[in-house]
Amino acid sequence: SRTVSTDEERFASDLIEPVTLDTPLSKNLVAQISALALQLDSEDLYSYTGSQLFEMHEKLGTMANSIIRNLQSRWRSPAHENS
């Protein structure tokens, strides 16, 4: 079990709060997901309770389903064939 540093907590809370950078939202979202993926190594997860892990899993699953639905709608739409 390892404790979460203040920097990591601040970084995690920054990911949750709306970001007001000048970068396009889609690129910002990709960067946020990449940063989150780096945080999710199995050792870090031991500091969370089971219910917190279930909640995270549910939210990540919802996000993944949204991405798949968007991709499926693009595949069905001729206007997005080149996306």
PDB file of N, CA and C in Angstrom:
ATOM      1  N   SER A   1       0.850  -1.190   0.000  1.00  0.00           N
ATOM      2  CA  SER A   1       0.000   0.000   0.000  1.00  0.00           C
ATOM      3  C   SER A   1       0.881   1.234   0.000  1.00  0.00           C
ATOM      4  N   ARG A   2       0.528   2.194  -0.821  1.00  0.00           N
ATOM      5  CA  ARG A   2       1.330   3.403  -0.868  1.00  0.00           C
ATOM      6  C   ARG A   2       0.420   4.604  -0.735  1.00  0.00           C
ATOM      7  N   THR A   3       0.957   5.658  -0.137  1.00  0.00           N
ATOM      8  CA  THR A   3       0.146   6.853   0.036  1.00  0.00           C
ATOM      9  C   THR A   3       0.248   7.714  -1.215  1.00  0.00           C
ATOM     10  N   VAL A   4      -0.781   8.463  -1.471  1.00  0.00           N
ATOM     11  CA  VAL A   4      -0.817   9.336  -2.637  1.00  0.00           C
ATOM     12  C   VAL A   4      -0.202  10.669  -2.241  1.00  0.00           C
ATOM     13  N   SER A   5       0.761  11.139  -3.024  1.00  0.00           N
ATOM     14  CA  SER A   5       1.419  12.402  -2.710  1.00  0.00           C
ATOM     15  C   SER A   5       0.474  13.570  -2.989  1.00  0.00           C
ATOM     16  N   THR A   6       0.805  14.702  -2.408  1.00  0.00           N
ATOM     17  CA  THR A   6       0.001  15.904  -2.621  1.00  0.00           C
ATOM     18  C   THR A   6      -0.006  16.295  -4.090  1.00  0.00           C
ATOM     19  N   ASP A   7       1.137  16.150  -4.764  1.00  0.00           N
ATOM     20  CA  ASP A   7       1.207  16.469  -6.193  1.00  0.00           C
ATOM     21  C   ASP A   7       0.273  15.582  -6.999  1.00  0.00           C
ATOM     22  N   GLU A   8       0.234  14.290  -6.657  1.00  0.00           N
ATOM     23  CA  GLU A   8      -0.650  13.366  -7.372  1.00  0.00           C
ATOM     24  C   GLU A   8      -2.109  13.710  -7.125  1.00  0.00           C
ATOM     25  N   GLU A   9      -2.439  14.071  -5.881  1.00  0.00           N
ATOM     26  CA  GLU A   9      -3.815  14.456  -5.568  1.00  0.00           C
ATOM     27  C   GLU A   9      -4.204  15.708  -6.342  1.00  0.00           C
ATOM     28  N   ARG A  10      -3.296  16.669  -6.396  1.00  0.00           N
ATOM     29  CA  ARG A  10      -3.557  17.908  -7.122  1.00  0.00           C
ATOM     30  C   ARG A  10      -3.725  17.607  -8.610  1.00  0.00           C
ATOM     31  N   PHE A  11      -2.863  16.731  -9.143  1.00  0.00           N
ATOM     32  CA  PHE A  11      -2.939  16.350 -10.550  1.00  0.00           C
ATOM     33  C   PHE A  11      -4.271  15.672 -10.840  1.00  0.00           C
ATOM     34  N   ALA A  12      -4.680  14.766  -9.968  1.00  0.00           N
ATOM     35  CA  ALA A  12      -5.948  14.060 -10.160  1.00  0.00           C
ATOM     36  C   ALA A  12      -7.119  15.034 -10.096  1.00  0.00           C
ATOM     37  N   SER A  13      -7.090  15.980  -9.172  1.00  0.00           N
ATOM     38  CA  SER A  13      -8.193  16.939  -9.080  1.00  0.00           C
ATOM     39  C   SER A  13      -8.186  17.873 -10.282  1.00  0.00           C
ATOM     40  N   ASP A  14      -7.010  18.174 -10.822  1.00  0.00           N
ATOM     41  CA  ASP A  14      -6.932  18.997 -12.029  1.00  0.00           C
ATOM     42  C   ASP A  14      -7.590  18.302 -13.209  1.00  0.00           C
ATOM     43  N   LEU A  15      -7.494  16.976 -13.251  1.00  0.00           N
ATOM     44  CA  LEU A  15      -8.113  16.232 -14.339  1.00  0.00           C
ATOM     45  C   LEU A  15      -9.631  16.314 -14.271  1.00  0.00           C
ATOM     46  N   ILE A  16     -10.172  16.422 -13.080  1.00  0.00           N
ATOM     47  CA  ILE A  16     -11.620  16.429 -12.890  1.00  0.00           C
ATOM     48  C   ILE A  16     -12.204  17.810 -13.202  1.00  0.00           C
ATOM     49  N   GLU A  17     -11.479  18.855 -12.839  1.00  0.00           N
ATOM     50  CA  GLU A  17     -11.988  20.212 -13.014  1.00  0.00           C
ATOM     51  C   GLU A  17     -11.941  20.612 -14.486  1.00  0.00           C
ATOM     52  N   PRO A  18     -12.871  21.486 -14.911  1.00  0.00           N
ATOM     53  CA  PRO A  18     -12.841  21.951 -16.302  1.00  0.00           C
ATOM     54  C   PRO A  18     -11.515  22.640 -16.599  1.00  0.00           C
ATOM     55  N   VAL A  19     -10.997  22.396 -17.762  1.00  0.00           N
ATOM     56  CA  VAL A  19      -9.703  22.956 -18.135  1.00  0.00           C
ATOM     57  C   VAL A  19      -9.941  24.137 -19.058  1.00  0.00           C
ATOM     58  N   THR A  20      -9.233  25.227 -18.829  1.00  0.00           N
ATOM     59  CA  THR A  20      -9.436  26.432 -19.623  1.00  0.00           C
ATOM     60  C   THR A  20      -8.212  26.731 -20.480  1.00  0.00           C
ATOM     61  N   LEU A  21      -7.607  25.705 -21.031  1.00  0.00           N
ATOM     62  CA  LEU A  21      -6.456  25.895 -21.904  1.00  0.00           C
ATOM     63  C   LEU A  21      -6.926  26.323 -23.288  1.00  0.00           C
ATOM     64  N   ASP A  22      -6.009  26.850 -24.087  1.00  0.00           N
ATOM     65  CA  ASP A  22      -6.351  27.278 -25.437  1.00  0.00           C
ATOM     66  C   ASP A  22      -6.338  26.128 -26.437  1.00  0.00           C
ATOM     67  N   THR A  23      -6.000  24.928 -25.992  1.00  0.00           N
ATOM     68  CA  THR A  23      -5.967  23.788 -26.905  1.00  0.00           C
ATOM     69  C   THR A  23      -7.384  23.330 -27.201  1.00  0.00           C
ATOM     70  N   PRO A  24      -7.600  22.757 -28.394  1.00  0.00           N
ATOM     71  CA  PRO A  24      -8.939  22.237 -28.707  1.00  0.00           C
ATOM     72  C   PRO A  24      -9.353  21.176 -27.693  1.00  0.00           C
ATOM     73  N   LEU A  25     -10.645  21.106 -27.429  1.00  0.00           N
ATOM     74  CA  LEU A  25     -11.169  20.190 -26.417  1.00  0.00           C
ATOM     75  C   LEU A  25     -10.783  18.753 -26.704  1.00  0.00           C
ATOM     76  N   SER A  26     -10.851  18.327 -27.963  1.00  0.00           N
ATOM     77  CA  SER A  26     -10.559  16.929 -28.275  1.00  0.00           C
ATOM     78  C   SER A  26      -9.116  16.573 -27.929  1.00  0.00           C
ATOM     79  N   LYS A  27      -8.174  17.462 -28.220  1.00  0.00           N
ATOM     80  CA  LYS A  27      -6.773  17.182 -27.889  1.00  0.00           C
ATOM     81  C   LYS A  27      -6.576  17.191 -26.383  1.00  0.00           C
ATOM     82  N   ASN A  28      -7.276  18.086 -25.702  1.00  0.00           N
ATOM     83  CA  ASN A  28      -7.192  18.143 -24.253  1.00  0.00           C
ATOM     84  C   ASN A  28      -7.731  16.850 -23.644  1.00  0.00           C
ATOM     85  N   LEU A  29      -8.826  16.339 -24.177  1.00  0.00           N
ATOM     86  CA  LEU A  29      -9.418  15.105 -23.674  1.00  0.00           C
ATOM     87  C   LEU A  29      -8.468  13.929 -23.878  1.00  0.00           C
ATOM     88  N   VAL A  30      -7.832  13.870 -25.033  1.00  0.00           N
ATOM     89  CA  VAL A  30      -6.861  12.800 -25.294  1.00  0.00           C
ATOM     90  C   VAL A  30      -5.717  12.880 -24.282  1.00  0.00           C
ATOM     91  N   ALA A  31      -5.235  14.075 -24.014  1.00  0.00           N
ATOM     92  CA  ALA A  31      -4.146  14.256 -23.046  1.00  0.00           C
ATOM     93  C   ALA A  31      -4.589  13.856 -21.641  1.00  0.00           C
ATOM     94  N   GLN A  32      -5.821  14.218 -21.270  1.00  0.00           N
ATOM     95  CA  GLN A  32      -6.320  13.855 -19.941  1.00  0.00           C
ATOM     96  C   GLN A  32      -6.443  12.343 -19.791  1.00  0.00           C
ATOM     97  N   ILE A  33      -6.943  11.679 -20.829  1.00  0.00           N
ATOM     98  CA  ILE A  33      -7.092  10.222 -20.766  1.00  0.00           C
ATOM     99  C   ILE A  33      -5.725   9.552 -20.719  1.00  0.00           C
ATOM    100  N   SER A  34      -4.772  10.074 -21.478  1.00  0.00           N
ATOM    101  CA  SER A  34      -3.411   9.520 -21.444  1.00  0.00           C
ATOM    102  C   SER A  34      -2.789   9.679 -20.065  1.00  0.00           C
ATOM    103  N   ALA A  35      -2.983  10.841 -19.461  1.00  0.00           N
ATOM    104  CA  ALA A  35      -2.447  11.085 -18.115  1.00  0.00           C
ATOM    105  C   ALA A  35      -3.107  10.159 -17.100  1.00  0.00           C
ATOM    106  N   LEU A  36      -4.407   9.972 -17.232  1.00  0.00           N
ATOM    107  CA  LEU A  36      -5.126   9.082 -16.323  1.00  0.00           C
ATOM    108  C   LEU A  36      -4.635   7.646 -16.474  1.00  0.00           C
ATOM    109  N   ALA A  37      -4.406   7.221 -17.700  1.00  0.00           N
ATOM    110  CA  ALA A  37      -3.917   5.862 -17.941  1.00  0.00           C
ATOM    111  C   ALA A  37      -2.571   5.631 -17.252  1.00  0.00           C
ATOM    112  N   LEU A  38      -1.718   6.646 -17.241  1.00  0.00           N
ATOM    113  CA  LEU A  38      -0.421   6.526 -16.569  1.00  0.00           C
ATOM    114  C   LEU A  38      -0.580   6.367 -15.057  1.00  0.00           C
ATOM    115  N   GLN A  39      -1.637   6.944 -14.505  1.00  0.00           N
ATOM    116  CA  GLN A  39      -1.866   6.867 -13.058  1.00  0.00           C
ATOM    117  C   GLN A  39      -2.427   5.521 -12.624  1.00  0.00           C
ATOM    118  N   LEU A  40      -3.021   4.805 -13.560  1.00  0.00           N
ATOM    119  CA  LEU A  40      -3.768   3.604 -13.190  1.00  0.00           C
ATOM    120  C   LEU A  40      -2.928   2.332 -13.210  1.00  0.00           C
ATOM    121  N   ASP A  41      -1.725   2.384 -12.710  1.00  0.00           N
ATOM    122  CA  ASP A  41      -1.005   1.115 -12.608  1.00  0.00           C
ATOM    123  C   ASP A  41      -1.482   0.386 -11.354  1.00  0.00           C
ATOM    124  N   SER A  42      -1.405  -0.914 -11.366  1.00  0.00           N
ATOM    125  CA  SER A  42      -2.063  -1.726 -10.336  1.00  0.00           C
ATOM    126  C   SER A  42      -1.598  -1.413  -8.912  1.00  0.00           C
ATOM    127  N   GLU A  43      -0.377  -0.993  -8.723  1.00  0.00           N
ATOM    128  CA  GLU A  43       0.105  -0.689  -7.373  1.00  0.00           C
ATOM    129  C   GLU A  43      -0.663   0.481  -6.763  1.00  0.00           C
ATOM    130  N   ASP A  44      -0.929   1.501  -7.559  1.00  0.00           N
ATOM    131  CA  ASP A  44      -1.652   2.673  -7.069  1.00  0.00           C
ATOM    132  C   ASP A  44      -3.074   2.328  -6.638  1.00  0.00           C
ATOM    133  N   LEU A  45      -3.671   1.323  -7.228  1.00  0.00           N
ATOM    134  CA  LEU A  45      -5.069   1.003  -6.958  1.00  0.00           C
ATOM    135  C   LEU A  45      -5.293   0.436  -5.557  1.00  0.00           C
ATOM    136  N   TYR A  46      -4.251  -0.069  -4.914  1.00  0.00           N
ATOM    137  CA  TYR A  46      -4.404  -0.636  -3.568  1.00  0.00           C
ATOM    138  C   TYR A  46      -4.760   0.417  -2.525  1.00  0.00           C
ATOM    139  N   SER A  47      -4.543   1.685  -2.829  1.00  0.00           N
ATOM    140  CA  SER A  47      -4.867   2.736  -1.861  1.00  0.00           C
ATOM    141  C   SER A  47      -6.348   3.113  -1.884  1.00  0.00           C
ATOM    142  N   TYR A  48      -7.126   2.524  -2.792  1.00  0.00           N
ATOM    143  CA  TYR A  48      -8.555   2.823  -2.901  1.00  0.00           C
ATOM    144  C   TYR A  48      -9.390   1.699  -2.314  1.00  0.00           C
ATOM    145  N   THR A  49     -10.566   2.053  -1.809  1.00  0.00           N
ATOM    146  CA  THR A  49     -11.478   1.035  -1.284  1.00  0.00           C
ATOM    147  C   THR A  49     -12.129   0.295  -2.447  1.00  0.00           C
ATOM    148  N   GLY A  50     -12.711  -0.845  -2.133  1.00  0.00           N
ATOM    149  CA  GLY A  50     -13.419  -1.608  -3.154  1.00  0.00           C
ATOM    150  C   GLY A  50     -14.535  -0.805  -3.795  1.00  0.00           C
ATOM    151  N   SER A  51     -15.284  -0.060  -2.987  1.00  0.00           N
ATOM    152  CA  SER A  51     -16.393   0.718  -3.558  1.00  0.00           C
ATOM    153  C   SER A  51     -15.879   1.837  -4.465  1.00  0.00           C
ATOM    154  N   GLN A  52     -14.734   2.426  -4.113  1.00  0.00           N
ATOM    155  CA  GLN A  52     -14.145   3.446  -4.987  1.00  0.00           C
ATOM    156  C   GLN A  52     -13.713   2.826  -6.315  1.00  0.00           C
ATOM    157  N   LEU A  53     -13.141   1.625  -6.250  1.00  0.00           N
ATOM    158  CA  LEU A  53     -12.725   0.947  -7.480  1.00  0.00           C
ATOM    159  C   LEU A  53     -13.922   0.600  -8.349  1.00  0.00           C
ATOM    160  N   PHE A  54     -15.007   0.127  -7.737  1.00  0.00           N
ATOM    161  CA  PHE A  54     -16.221  -0.168  -8.510  1.00  0.00           C
ATOM    162  C   PHE A  54     -16.761   1.098  -9.170  1.00  0.00           C
ATOM    163  N   GLU A  55     -16.750   2.205  -8.433  1.00  0.00           N
ATOM    164  CA  GLU A  55     -17.238   3.478  -8.983  1.00  0.00           C
ATOM    165  C   GLU A  55     -16.371   3.921 -10.159  1.00  0.00           C
ATOM    166  N   MET A  56     -15.036   3.812 -10.005  1.00  0.00           N
ATOM    167  CA  MET A  56     -14.131   4.176 -11.097  1.00  0.00           C
ATOM    168  C   MET A  56     -14.376   3.291 -12.313  1.00  0.00           C
ATOM    169  N   HIS A  57     -14.542   1.988 -12.070  1.00  0.00           N
ATOM    170  CA  HIS A  57     -14.783   1.042 -13.162  1.00  0.00           C
ATOM    171  C   HIS A  57     -16.068   1.399 -13.906  1.00  0.00           C
ATOM    172  N   GLU A  58     -17.106   1.738 -13.157  1.00  0.00           N
ATOM    173  CA  GLU A  58     -18.388   2.100 -13.772  1.00  0.00           C
ATOM    174  C   GLU A  58     -18.250   3.356 -14.634  1.00  0.00           C
ATOM    175  N   LYS A  59     -17.548   4.362 -14.117  1.00  0.00           N
ATOM    176  CA  LYS A  59     -17.374   5.610 -14.872  1.00  0.00           C
ATOM    177  C   LYS A  59     -16.521   5.385 -16.116  1.00  0.00           C
ATOM    178  N   LEU A  60     -15.450   4.605 -15.976  1.00  0.00           N
ATOM    179  CA  LEU A  60     -14.610   4.314 -17.138  1.00  0.00           C
ATOM    180  C   LEU A  60     -15.378   3.508 -18.181  1.00  0.00           C
ATOM    181  N   GLY A  61     -16.215   2.581 -17.716  1.00  0.00           N
ATOM    182  CA  GLY A  61     -17.043   1.798 -18.633  1.00  0.00           C
ATOM    183  C   GLY A  61     -18.019   2.678 -19.393  1.00  0.00           C
ATOM    184  N   THR A  62     -18.617   3.632 -18.700  1.00  0.00           N
ATOM    185  CA  THR A  62     -19.537   4.571 -19.346  1.00  0.00           C
ATOM    186  C   THR A  62     -18.805   5.400 -20.395  1.00  0.00           C
ATOM    187  N   MET A  63     -17.581   5.828 -20.062  1.00  0.00           N
ATOM    188  CA  MET A  63     -16.781   6.591 -21.020  1.00  0.00           C
ATOM    189  C   MET A  63     -16.451   5.745 -22.247  1.00  0.00           C
ATOM    190  N   ALA A  64     -16.049   4.506 -22.023  1.00  0.00           N
ATOM    191  CA  ALA A  64     -15.707   3.613 -23.132  1.00  0.00           C
ATOM    192  C   ALA A  64     -16.924   3.362 -24.015  1.00  0.00           C
ATOM    193  N   ASN A  65     -18.087   3.181 -23.401  1.00  0.00           N
ATOM    194  CA  ASN A  65     -19.314   2.974 -24.175  1.00  0.00           C
ATOM    195  C   ASN A  65     -19.656   4.199 -25.016  1.00  0.00           C
ATOM    196  N   SER A  66     -19.434   5.391 -24.487  1.00  0.00           N
ATOM    197  CA  SER A  66     -19.683   6.622 -25.248  1.00  0.00           C
ATOM    198  C   SER A  66     -18.776   6.693 -26.472  1.00  0.00           C
ATOM    199  N   ILE A  67     -17.518   6.312 -26.290  1.00  0.00           N
ATOM    200  CA  ILE A  67     -16.572   6.321 -27.407  1.00  0.00           C
ATOM    201  C   ILE A  67     -17.012   5.329 -28.477  1.00  0.00           C
ATOM    202  N   ILE A  68     -17.397   4.130 -28.067  1.00  0.00           N
ATOM    203  CA  ILE A  68     -17.845   3.106 -29.021  1.00  0.00           C
ATOM    204  C   ILE A  68     -19.098   3.561 -29.758  1.00  0.00           C
ATOM    205  N   ARG A  69     -20.063   4.142 -29.033  1.00  0.00           N
ATOM    206  CA  ARG A  69     -21.287   4.626 -29.692  1.00  0.00           C
ATOM    207  C   ARG A  69     -20.952   5.684 -30.735  1.00  0.00           C
ATOM    208  N   ASN A  70     -20.004   6.570 -30.410  1.00  0.00           N
ATOM    209  CA  ASN A  70     -19.609   7.602 -31.363  1.00  0.00           C
ATOM    210  C   ASN A  70     -18.967   6.977 -32.597  1.00  0.00           C
ATOM    211  N   LEU A  71     -18.076   6.008 -32.379  1.00  0.00           N
ATOM    212  CA  LEU A  71     -17.441   5.330 -33.515  1.00  0.00           C
ATOM    213  C   LEU A  71     -18.469   4.598 -34.370  1.00  0.00           C
ATOM    214  N   GLN A  72     -19.418   3.916 -33.723  1.00  0.00           N
ATOM    215  CA  GLN A  72     -20.453   3.192 -34.467  1.00  0.00           C
ATOM    216  C   GLN A  72     -21.296   4.149 -35.301  1.00  0.00           C
ATOM    217  N   SER A  73     -21.618   5.317 -34.756  1.00  0.00           N
ATOM    218  CA  SER A  73     -22.419   6.280 -35.519  1.00  0.00           C
ATOM    219  C   SER A  73     -21.622   6.804 -36.713  1.00  0.00           C
ATOM    220  N   ARG A  74     -20.315   6.923 -36.571  1.00  0.00           N
ATOM    221  CA  ARG A  74     -19.484   7.354 -37.696  1.00  0.00           C
ATOM    222  C   ARG A  74     -19.444   6.292 -38.785  1.00  0.00           C
ATOM    223  N   TRP A  75     -19.347   5.030 -38.378  1.00  0.00           N
ATOM    224  CA  TRP A  75     -19.283   3.952 -39.360  1.00  0.00           C
ATOM    225  C   TRP A  75     -20.579   3.848 -40.151  1.00  0.00           C
ATOM    226  N   ARG A  76     -21.697   4.194 -39.518  1.00  0.00           N
ATOM    227  CA  ARG A  76     -23.008   4.110 -40.177  1.00  0.00           C
ATOM    228  C   ARG A  76     -23.285   5.323 -41.052  1.00  0.00           C
ATOM    229  N   SER A  77     -22.553   6.404 -40.855  1.00  0.00           N
ATOM    230  CA  SER A  77     -22.816   7.652 -41.563  1.00  0.00           C
ATOM    231  C   SER A  77     -21.820   7.848 -42.703  1.00  0.00           C
ATOM    232  N   PRO A  78     -22.292   7.923 -43.968  1.00  0.00           N
ATOM    233  CA  PRO A  78     -21.378   8.123 -45.104  1.00  0.00           C
ATOM    234  C   PRO A  78     -20.603   9.431 -45.007  1.00  0.00           C
ATOM    235  N   ALA A  79     -21.157  10.429 -44.330  1.00  0.00           N
ATOM    236  CA  ALA A  79     -20.491  11.730 -44.220  1.00  0.00           C
ATOM    237  C   ALA A  79     -19.206  11.658 -43.407  1.00  0.00           C
ATOM    238  N   HIS A  80     -19.055  10.627 -42.578  1.00  0.00           N
ATOM    239  CA  HIS A  80     -17.883  10.519 -41.707  1.00  0.00           C
ATOM    240  C   HIS A  80     -16.926   9.419 -42.142  1.00  0.00           C
ATOM    241  N   GLU A  81     -17.028   8.947 -43.374  1.00  0.00           N
ATOM    242  CA  GLU A  81     -16.176   7.833 -43.800  1.00  0.00           C
ATOM    243  C   GLU A  81     -14.694   8.156 -43.705  1.00  0.00           C
ATOM    244  N   ASN A  82     -14.338   9.406 -43.880  1.00  0.00           N
ATOM    245  CA  ASN A  82     -12.920   9.780 -43.865  1.00  0.00           C
ATOM    246  C   ASN A  82     -12.424  10.198 -42.491  1.00  0.00           C
ATOM    247  N   SER A  83     -13.242  10.093 -41.469  1.00  0.00           N
ATOM    248  CA  SER A  83     -12.842  10.502 -40.110  1.00  0.00           C
ATOM    249  C   SER A  83     -11.899   9.506 -39.494  1.00  0.00           C
TER     250      SER A  83
END
